[in-house]
Amino acid sequence: MAIGSISGSGLEGIYKGLDIAAGAADKIAKVSESEDAAGDLTSSMVDLQRAKVQVQASAKVLETEGRLIGSLIDIEV
């Protein structure tokens, strides 16, 4: 796997997590307009938690890539 594709995957995961969080936040903001407010709020809170985990995991991918590059540079020098 190329280094560029690792960072691309990490960034794509972060953007996906942010999109999930934005959608959940929008649903939470509109929860008072809903007939099933409790269900919508619960679903949105789960989505926010899922988005958090998505972004954290993707950040770990980028962190690992950085360590990998650092290791490669240390080996080459």
PDB file of N, CA and C in Angstrom:
ATOM      1  N   MET A   1       0.853  -1.178   0.000  1.00  0.00           N
ATOM      2  CA  MET A   1       0.000   0.000   0.000  1.00  0.00           C
ATOM      3  C   MET A   1       0.894   1.235   0.000  1.00  0.00           C
ATOM      4  N   ALA A   2       0.604   2.153  -0.857  1.00  0.00           N
ATOM      5  CA  ALA A   2       1.381   3.382  -0.968  1.00  0.00           C
ATOM      6  C   ALA A   2       1.064   4.321   0.190  1.00  0.00           C
ATOM      7  N   ILE A   3       2.062   5.105   0.565  1.00  0.00           N
ATOM      8  CA  ILE A   3       1.883   6.057   1.669  1.00  0.00           C
ATOM      9  C   ILE A   3       0.739   7.019   1.373  1.00  0.00           C
ATOM     10  N   GLY A   4       0.655   7.501   0.133  1.00  0.00           N
ATOM     11  CA  GLY A   4      -0.402   8.445  -0.227  1.00  0.00           C
ATOM     12  C   GLY A   4      -1.788   7.877  -0.030  1.00  0.00           C
ATOM     13  N   SER A   5      -1.945   6.571  -0.308  1.00  0.00           N
ATOM     14  CA  SER A   5      -3.270   5.983  -0.136  1.00  0.00           C
ATOM     15  C   SER A   5      -3.616   5.807   1.340  1.00  0.00           C
ATOM     16  N   ILE A   6      -2.594   5.651   2.178  1.00  0.00           N
ATOM     17  CA  ILE A   6      -2.852   5.565   3.618  1.00  0.00           C
ATOM     18  C   ILE A   6      -3.404   6.893   4.121  1.00  0.00           C
ATOM     19  N   SER A   7      -2.745   7.987   3.761  1.00  0.00           N
ATOM     20  CA  SER A   7      -3.227   9.291   4.220  1.00  0.00           C
ATOM     21  C   SER A   7      -4.569   9.616   3.583  1.00  0.00           C
ATOM     22  N   GLY A   8      -4.764   9.198   2.338  1.00  0.00           N
ATOM     23  CA  GLY A   8      -6.054   9.420   1.686  1.00  0.00           C
ATOM     24  C   GLY A   8      -7.174   8.697   2.410  1.00  0.00           C
ATOM     25  N   SER A   9      -6.908   7.460   2.830  1.00  0.00           N
ATOM     26  CA  SER A   9      -7.911   6.695   3.575  1.00  0.00           C
ATOM     27  C   SER A   9      -8.205   7.344   4.923  1.00  0.00           C
ATOM     28  N   GLY A  10      -7.151   7.801   5.590  1.00  0.00           N
ATOM     29  CA  GLY A  10      -7.341   8.462   6.881  1.00  0.00           C
ATOM     30  C   GLY A  10      -8.156   9.732   6.762  1.00  0.00           C
ATOM     31  N   LEU A  11      -7.822  10.547   5.766  1.00  0.00           N
ATOM     32  CA  LEU A  11      -8.562  11.797   5.565  1.00  0.00           C
ATOM     33  C   LEU A  11     -10.002  11.530   5.140  1.00  0.00           C
ATOM     34  N   GLU A  12     -10.192  10.535   4.285  1.00  0.00           N
ATOM     35  CA  GLU A  12     -11.548  10.189   3.859  1.00  0.00           C
ATOM     36  C   GLU A  12     -12.393   9.759   5.055  1.00  0.00           C
ATOM     37  N   GLY A  13     -11.794   8.991   5.954  1.00  0.00           N
ATOM     38  CA  GLY A  13     -12.502   8.567   7.158  1.00  0.00           C
ATOM     39  C   GLY A  13     -12.867   9.734   8.055  1.00  0.00           C
ATOM     40  N   ILE A  14     -11.962  10.693   8.174  1.00  0.00           N
ATOM     41  CA  ILE A  14     -12.249  11.880   8.989  1.00  0.00           C
ATOM     42  C   ILE A  14     -13.395  12.675   8.377  1.00  0.00           C
ATOM     43  N   TYR A  15     -13.339  12.889   7.066  1.00  0.00           N
ATOM     44  CA  TYR A  15     -14.417  13.630   6.403  1.00  0.00           C
ATOM     45  C   TYR A  15     -15.756  12.909   6.541  1.00  0.00           C
ATOM     46  N   LYS A  16     -15.741  11.584   6.434  1.00  0.00           N
ATOM     47  CA  LYS A  16     -16.976  10.814   6.594  1.00  0.00           C
ATOM     48  C   LYS A  16     -17.526  10.985   8.009  1.00  0.00           C
ATOM     49  N   GLY A  17     -16.643  10.914   8.999  1.00  0.00           N
ATOM     50  CA  GLY A  17     -17.073  11.106  10.380  1.00  0.00           C
ATOM     51  C   GLY A  17     -17.651  12.488  10.620  1.00  0.00           C
ATOM     52  N   LEU A  18     -17.024  13.496  10.023  1.00  0.00           N
ATOM     53  CA  LEU A  18     -17.538  14.862  10.168  1.00  0.00           C
ATOM     54  C   LEU A  18     -18.896  15.021   9.487  1.00  0.00           C
ATOM     55  N   ASP A  19     -19.084  14.357   8.353  1.00  0.00           N
ATOM     56  CA  ASP A  19     -20.388  14.395   7.682  1.00  0.00           C
ATOM     57  C   ASP A  19     -21.465  13.739   8.540  1.00  0.00           C
ATOM     58  N   ILE A  20     -21.128  12.609   9.149  1.00  0.00           N
ATOM     59  CA  ILE A  20     -22.076  11.926  10.033  1.00  0.00           C
ATOM     60  C   ILE A  20     -22.436  12.833  11.208  1.00  0.00           C
ATOM     61  N   ALA A  21     -21.436  13.479  11.794  1.00  0.00           N
ATOM     62  CA  ALA A  21     -21.674  14.378  12.929  1.00  0.00           C
ATOM     63  C   ALA A  21     -22.541  15.563  12.525  1.00  0.00           C
ATOM     64  N   ALA A  22     -22.287  16.115  11.346  1.00  0.00           N
ATOM     65  CA  ALA A  22     -23.087  17.256  10.881  1.00  0.00           C
ATOM     66  C   ALA A  22     -24.541  16.852  10.671  1.00  0.00           C
ATOM     67  N   GLY A  23     -24.751  15.679  10.097  1.00  0.00           N
ATOM     68  CA  GLY A  23     -26.120  15.193   9.899  1.00  0.00           C
ATOM     69  C   GLY A  23     -26.833  14.964  11.220  1.00  0.00           C
ATOM     70  N   ALA A  24     -26.124  14.385  12.179  1.00  0.00           N
ATOM     71  CA  ALA A  24     -26.713  14.142  13.493  1.00  0.00           C
ATOM     72  C   ALA A  24     -27.020  15.452  14.207  1.00  0.00           C
ATOM     73  N   ALA A  25     -26.124  16.416  14.104  1.00  0.00           N
ATOM     74  CA  ALA A  25     -26.353  17.719  14.735  1.00  0.00           C
ATOM     75  C   ALA A  25     -27.565  18.411  14.124  1.00  0.00           C
ATOM     76  N   ASP A  26     -27.722  18.280  12.821  1.00  0.00           N
ATOM     77  CA  ASP A  26     -28.880  18.863  12.143  1.00  0.00           C
ATOM     78  C   ASP A  26     -30.174  18.219  12.640  1.00  0.00           C
ATOM     79  N   LYS A  27     -30.161  16.895  12.799  1.00  0.00           N
ATOM     80  CA  LYS A  27     -31.348  16.193  13.310  1.00  0.00           C
ATOM     81  C   LYS A  27     -31.661  16.622  14.744  1.00  0.00           C
ATOM     82  N   ILE A  28     -30.613  16.795  15.556  1.00  0.00           N
ATOM     83  CA  ILE A  28     -30.818  17.224  16.946  1.00  0.00           C
ATOM     84  C   ILE A  28     -31.420  18.621  16.981  1.00  0.00           C
ATOM     85  N   ALA A  29     -30.947  19.497  16.103  1.00  0.00           N
ATOM     86  CA  ALA A  29     -31.473  20.864  16.058  1.00  0.00           C
ATOM     87  C   ALA A  29     -32.943  20.881  15.663  1.00  0.00           C
ATOM     88  N   LYS A  30     -33.371  19.902  14.879  1.00  0.00           N
ATOM     89  CA  LYS A  30     -34.754  19.851  14.397  1.00  0.00           C
ATOM     90  C   LYS A  30     -35.625  18.890  15.195  1.00  0.00           C
ATOM     91  N   VAL A  31     -35.125  18.367  16.304  1.00  0.00           N
ATOM     92  CA  VAL A  31     -35.852  17.349  17.051  1.00  0.00           C
ATOM     93  C   VAL A  31     -37.194  17.859  17.576  1.00  0.00           C
ATOM     94  N   SER A  32     -37.312  19.135  17.866  1.00  0.00           N
ATOM     95  CA  SER A  32     -38.575  19.665  18.386  1.00  0.00           C
ATOM     96  C   SER A  32     -39.675  19.641  17.327  1.00  0.00           C
ATOM     97  N   GLU A  33     -39.297  19.559  16.056  1.00  0.00           N
ATOM     98  CA  GLU A  33     -40.277  19.503  14.973  1.00  0.00           C
ATOM     99  C   GLU A  33     -40.767  18.083  14.710  1.00  0.00           C
ATOM    100  N   SER A  34     -40.153  17.102  15.353  1.00  0.00           N
ATOM    101  CA  SER A  34     -40.439  15.702  15.073  1.00  0.00           C
ATOM    102  C   SER A  34     -41.546  15.162  15.972  1.00  0.00           C
ATOM    103  N   GLU A  35     -42.287  14.182  15.429  1.00  0.00           N
ATOM    104  CA  GLU A  35     -43.319  13.520  16.230  1.00  0.00           C
ATOM    105  C   GLU A  35     -42.691  12.523  17.200  1.00  0.00           C
ATOM    106  N   ASP A  36     -41.600  11.900  16.793  1.00  0.00           N
ATOM    107  CA  ASP A  36     -40.901  10.922  17.631  1.00  0.00           C
ATOM    108  C   ASP A  36     -39.598  11.534  18.132  1.00  0.00           C
ATOM    109  N   ALA A  37     -39.721  12.573  18.944  1.00  0.00           N
ATOM    110  CA  ALA A  37     -38.549  13.327  19.396  1.00  0.00           C
ATOM    111  C   ALA A  37     -37.564  12.451  20.162  1.00  0.00           C
ATOM    112  N   ALA A  38     -38.062  11.598  21.046  1.00  0.00           N
ATOM    113  CA  ALA A  38     -37.166  10.760  21.854  1.00  0.00           C
ATOM    114  C   ALA A  38     -36.389   9.790  20.972  1.00  0.00           C
ATOM    115  N   GLY A  39     -37.072   9.168  20.031  1.00  0.00           N
ATOM    116  CA  GLY A  39     -36.410   8.228  19.125  1.00  0.00           C
ATOM    117  C   GLY A  39     -35.404   8.916  18.230  1.00  0.00           C
ATOM    118  N   ASP A  40     -35.779  10.087  17.711  1.00  0.00           N
ATOM    119  CA  ASP A  40     -34.871  10.838  16.849  1.00  0.00           C
ATOM    120  C   ASP A  40     -33.640  11.304  17.618  1.00  0.00           C
ATOM    121  N   LEU A  41     -33.859  11.741  18.854  1.00  0.00           N
ATOM    122  CA  LEU A  41     -32.739  12.208  19.670  1.00  0.00           C
ATOM    123  C   LEU A  41     -31.792  11.054  19.990  1.00  0.00           C
ATOM    124  N   THR A  42     -32.354   9.911  20.343  1.00  0.00           N
ATOM    125  CA  THR A  42     -31.527   8.738  20.637  1.00  0.00           C
ATOM    126  C   THR A  42     -30.712   8.325  19.420  1.00  0.00           C
ATOM    127  N   SER A  43     -31.365   8.263  18.280  1.00  0.00           N
ATOM    128  CA  SER A  43     -30.690   7.894  17.035  1.00  0.00           C
ATOM    129  C   SER A  43     -29.574   8.882  16.702  1.00  0.00           C
ATOM    130  N   SER A  44     -29.847  10.147  16.892  1.00  0.00           N
ATOM    131  CA  SER A  44     -28.849  11.176  16.595  1.00  0.00           C
ATOM    132  C   SER A  44     -27.664  11.107  17.550  1.00  0.00           C
ATOM    133  N   MET A  45     -27.926  10.807  18.803  1.00  0.00           N
ATOM    134  CA  MET A  45     -26.837  10.681  19.772  1.00  0.00           C
ATOM    135  C   MET A  45     -25.951   9.476  19.436  1.00  0.00           C
ATOM    136  N   VAL A  46     -26.579   8.387  18.994  1.00  0.00           N
ATOM    137  CA  VAL A  46     -25.808   7.215  18.559  1.00  0.00           C
ATOM    138  C   VAL A  46     -24.957   7.580  17.344  1.00  0.00           C
ATOM    139  N   ASP A  47     -25.537   8.333  16.412  1.00  0.00           N
ATOM    140  CA  ASP A  47     -24.788   8.769  15.233  1.00  0.00           C
ATOM    141  C   ASP A  47     -23.607   9.660  15.617  1.00  0.00           C
ATOM    142  N   LEU A  48     -23.803  10.531  16.596  1.00  0.00           N
ATOM    143  CA  LEU A  48     -22.691  11.374  17.058  1.00  0.00           C
ATOM    144  C   LEU A  48     -21.565  10.534  17.656  1.00  0.00           C
ATOM    145  N   GLN A  49     -21.934   9.528  18.415  1.00  0.00           N
ATOM    146  CA  GLN A  49     -20.923   8.643  19.000  1.00  0.00           C
ATOM    147  C   GLN A  49     -20.200   7.868  17.899  1.00  0.00           C
ATOM    148  N   ARG A  50     -20.952   7.415  16.910  1.00  0.00           N
ATOM    149  CA  ARG A  50     -20.362   6.691  15.780  1.00  0.00           C
ATOM    150  C   ARG A  50     -19.398   7.598  15.012  1.00  0.00           C
ATOM    151  N   ALA A  51     -19.785   8.852  14.834  1.00  0.00           N
ATOM    152  CA  ALA A  51     -18.927   9.820  14.143  1.00  0.00           C
ATOM    153  C   ALA A  51     -17.640  10.053  14.931  1.00  0.00           C
ATOM    154  N   LYS A  52     -17.759  10.144  16.244  1.00  0.00           N
ATOM    155  CA  LYS A  52     -16.584  10.342  17.097  1.00  0.00           C
ATOM    156  C   LYS A  52     -15.599   9.189  16.931  1.00  0.00           C
ATOM    157  N   VAL A  53     -16.113   7.967  16.966  1.00  0.00           N
ATOM    158  CA  VAL A  53     -15.254   6.793  16.819  1.00  0.00           C
ATOM    159  C   VAL A  53     -14.625   6.761  15.426  1.00  0.00           C
ATOM    160  N   GLN A  54     -15.404   7.122  14.409  1.00  0.00           N
ATOM    161  CA  GLN A  54     -14.905   7.159  13.030  1.00  0.00           C
ATOM    162  C   GLN A  54     -13.727   8.129  12.903  1.00  0.00           C
ATOM    163  N   VAL A  55     -13.891   9.321  13.453  1.00  0.00           N
ATOM    164  CA  VAL A  55     -12.831  10.332  13.365  1.00  0.00           C
ATOM    165  C   VAL A  55     -11.608   9.903  14.183  1.00  0.00           C
ATOM    166  N   GLN A  56     -11.827   9.350  15.365  1.00  0.00           N
ATOM    167  CA  GLN A  56     -10.698   8.901  16.186  1.00  0.00           C
ATOM    168  C   GLN A  56      -9.914   7.790  15.493  1.00  0.00           C
ATOM    169  N   ALA A  57     -10.619   6.835  14.907  1.00  0.00           N
ATOM    170  CA  ALA A  57      -9.949   5.735  14.214  1.00  0.00           C
ATOM    171  C   ALA A  57      -9.169   6.248  13.007  1.00  0.00           C
ATOM    172  N   SER A  58      -9.753   7.166  12.281  1.00  0.00           N
ATOM    173  CA  SER A  58      -9.082   7.725  11.107  1.00  0.00           C
ATOM    174  C   SER A  58      -7.866   8.552  11.507  1.00  0.00           C
ATOM    175  N   ALA A  59      -7.966   9.243  12.627  1.00  0.00           N
ATOM    176  CA  ALA A  59      -6.812   9.997  13.126  1.00  0.00           C
ATOM    177  C   ALA A  59      -5.681   9.046  13.511  1.00  0.00           C
ATOM    178  N   LYS A  60      -6.033   7.886  14.058  1.00  0.00           N
ATOM    179  CA  LYS A  60      -5.018   6.882  14.389  1.00  0.00           C
ATOM    180  C   LYS A  60      -4.326   6.381  13.123  1.00  0.00           C
ATOM    181  N   VAL A  61      -5.082   6.248  12.034  1.00  0.00           N
ATOM    182  CA  VAL A  61      -4.487   5.842  10.757  1.00  0.00           C
ATOM    183  C   VAL A  61      -3.427   6.859  10.342  1.00  0.00           C
ATOM    184  N   LEU A  62      -3.772   8.146  10.424  1.00  0.00           N
ATOM    185  CA  LEU A  62      -2.813   9.189  10.054  1.00  0.00           C
ATOM    186  C   LEU A  62      -1.613   9.210  11.002  1.00  0.00           C
ATOM    187  N   GLU A  63      -1.867   8.989  12.276  1.00  0.00           N
ATOM    188  CA  GLU A  63      -0.788   8.944  13.266  1.00  0.00           C
ATOM    189  C   GLU A  63       0.162   7.777  12.966  1.00  0.00           C
ATOM    190  N   THR A  64      -0.407   6.631  12.639  1.00  0.00           N
ATOM    191  CA  THR A  64       0.402   5.460  12.303  1.00  0.00           C
ATOM    192  C   THR A  64       1.215   5.705  11.043  1.00  0.00           C
ATOM    193  N   GLU A  65       0.610   6.365  10.074  1.00  0.00           N
ATOM    194  CA  GLU A  65       1.330   6.704   8.850  1.00  0.00           C
ATOM    195  C   GLU A  65       2.538   7.589   9.171  1.00  0.00           C
ATOM    196  N   GLY A  66       2.344   8.557  10.044  1.00  0.00           N
ATOM    197  CA  GLY A  66       3.437   9.441  10.436  1.00  0.00           C
ATOM    198  C   GLY A  66       4.575   8.676  11.093  1.00  0.00           C
ATOM    199  N   ARG A  67       4.227   7.728  11.964  1.00  0.00           N
ATOM    200  CA  ARG A  67       5.261   6.910  12.604  1.00  0.00           C
ATOM    201  C   ARG A  67       5.966   6.024  11.577  1.00  0.00           C
ATOM    202  N   LEU A  68       5.203   5.505  10.623  1.00  0.00           N
ATOM    203  CA  LEU A  68       5.778   4.670   9.570  1.00  0.00           C
ATOM    204  C   LEU A  68       6.774   5.465   8.733  1.00  0.00           C
ATOM    205  N   ILE A  69       6.388   6.654   8.358  1.00  0.00           N
ATOM    206  CA  ILE A  69       7.293   7.512   7.581  1.00  0.00           C
ATOM    207  C   ILE A  69       8.537   7.840   8.404  1.00  0.00           C
ATOM    208  N   GLY A  70       8.342   8.137   9.678  1.00  0.00           N
ATOM    209  CA  GLY A  70       9.477   8.414  10.559  1.00  0.00           C
ATOM    210  C   GLY A  70      10.417   7.226  10.651  1.00  0.00           C
ATOM    211  N   SER A  71       9.862   6.026  10.736  1.00  0.00           N
ATOM    212  CA  SER A  71      10.686   4.816  10.785  1.00  0.00           C
ATOM    213  C   SER A  71      11.456   4.626   9.494  1.00  0.00           C
ATOM    214  N   LEU A  72      10.804   4.874   8.378  1.00  0.00           N
ATOM    215  CA  LEU A  72      11.475   4.729   7.086  1.00  0.00           C
ATOM    216  C   LEU A  72      12.621   5.721   6.943  1.00  0.00           C
ATOM    217  N   ILE A  73      12.393   6.942   7.399  1.00  0.00           N
ATOM    218  CA  ILE A  73      13.441   7.963   7.315  1.00  0.00           C
ATOM    219  C   ILE A  73      14.605   7.585   8.224  1.00  0.00           C
ATOM    220  N   ASP A  74      14.311   7.075   9.425  1.00  0.00           N
ATOM    221  CA  ASP A  74      15.371   6.652  10.343  1.00  0.00           C
ATOM    222  C   ASP A  74      16.195   5.515   9.748  1.00  0.00           C
ATOM    223  N   ILE A  75      15.550   4.606   9.044  1.00  0.00           N
ATOM    224  CA  ILE A  75      16.249   3.473   8.442  1.00  0.00           C
ATOM    225  C   ILE A  75      17.139   3.939   7.296  1.00  0.00           C
ATOM    226  N   GLU A  76      16.640   4.865   6.498  1.00  0.00           N
ATOM    227  CA  GLU A  76      17.374   5.328   5.327  1.00  0.00           C
ATOM    228  C   GLU A  76      18.581   6.180   5.690  1.00  0.00           C
ATOM    229  N   VAL A  77      18.529   6.890   6.795  1.00  0.00           N
ATOM    230  CA  VAL A  77      19.612   7.798   7.177  1.00  0.00           C
ATOM    231  C   VAL A  77      20.727   7.064   7.775  1.00  0.00           C
TER     232      VAL A  77
END
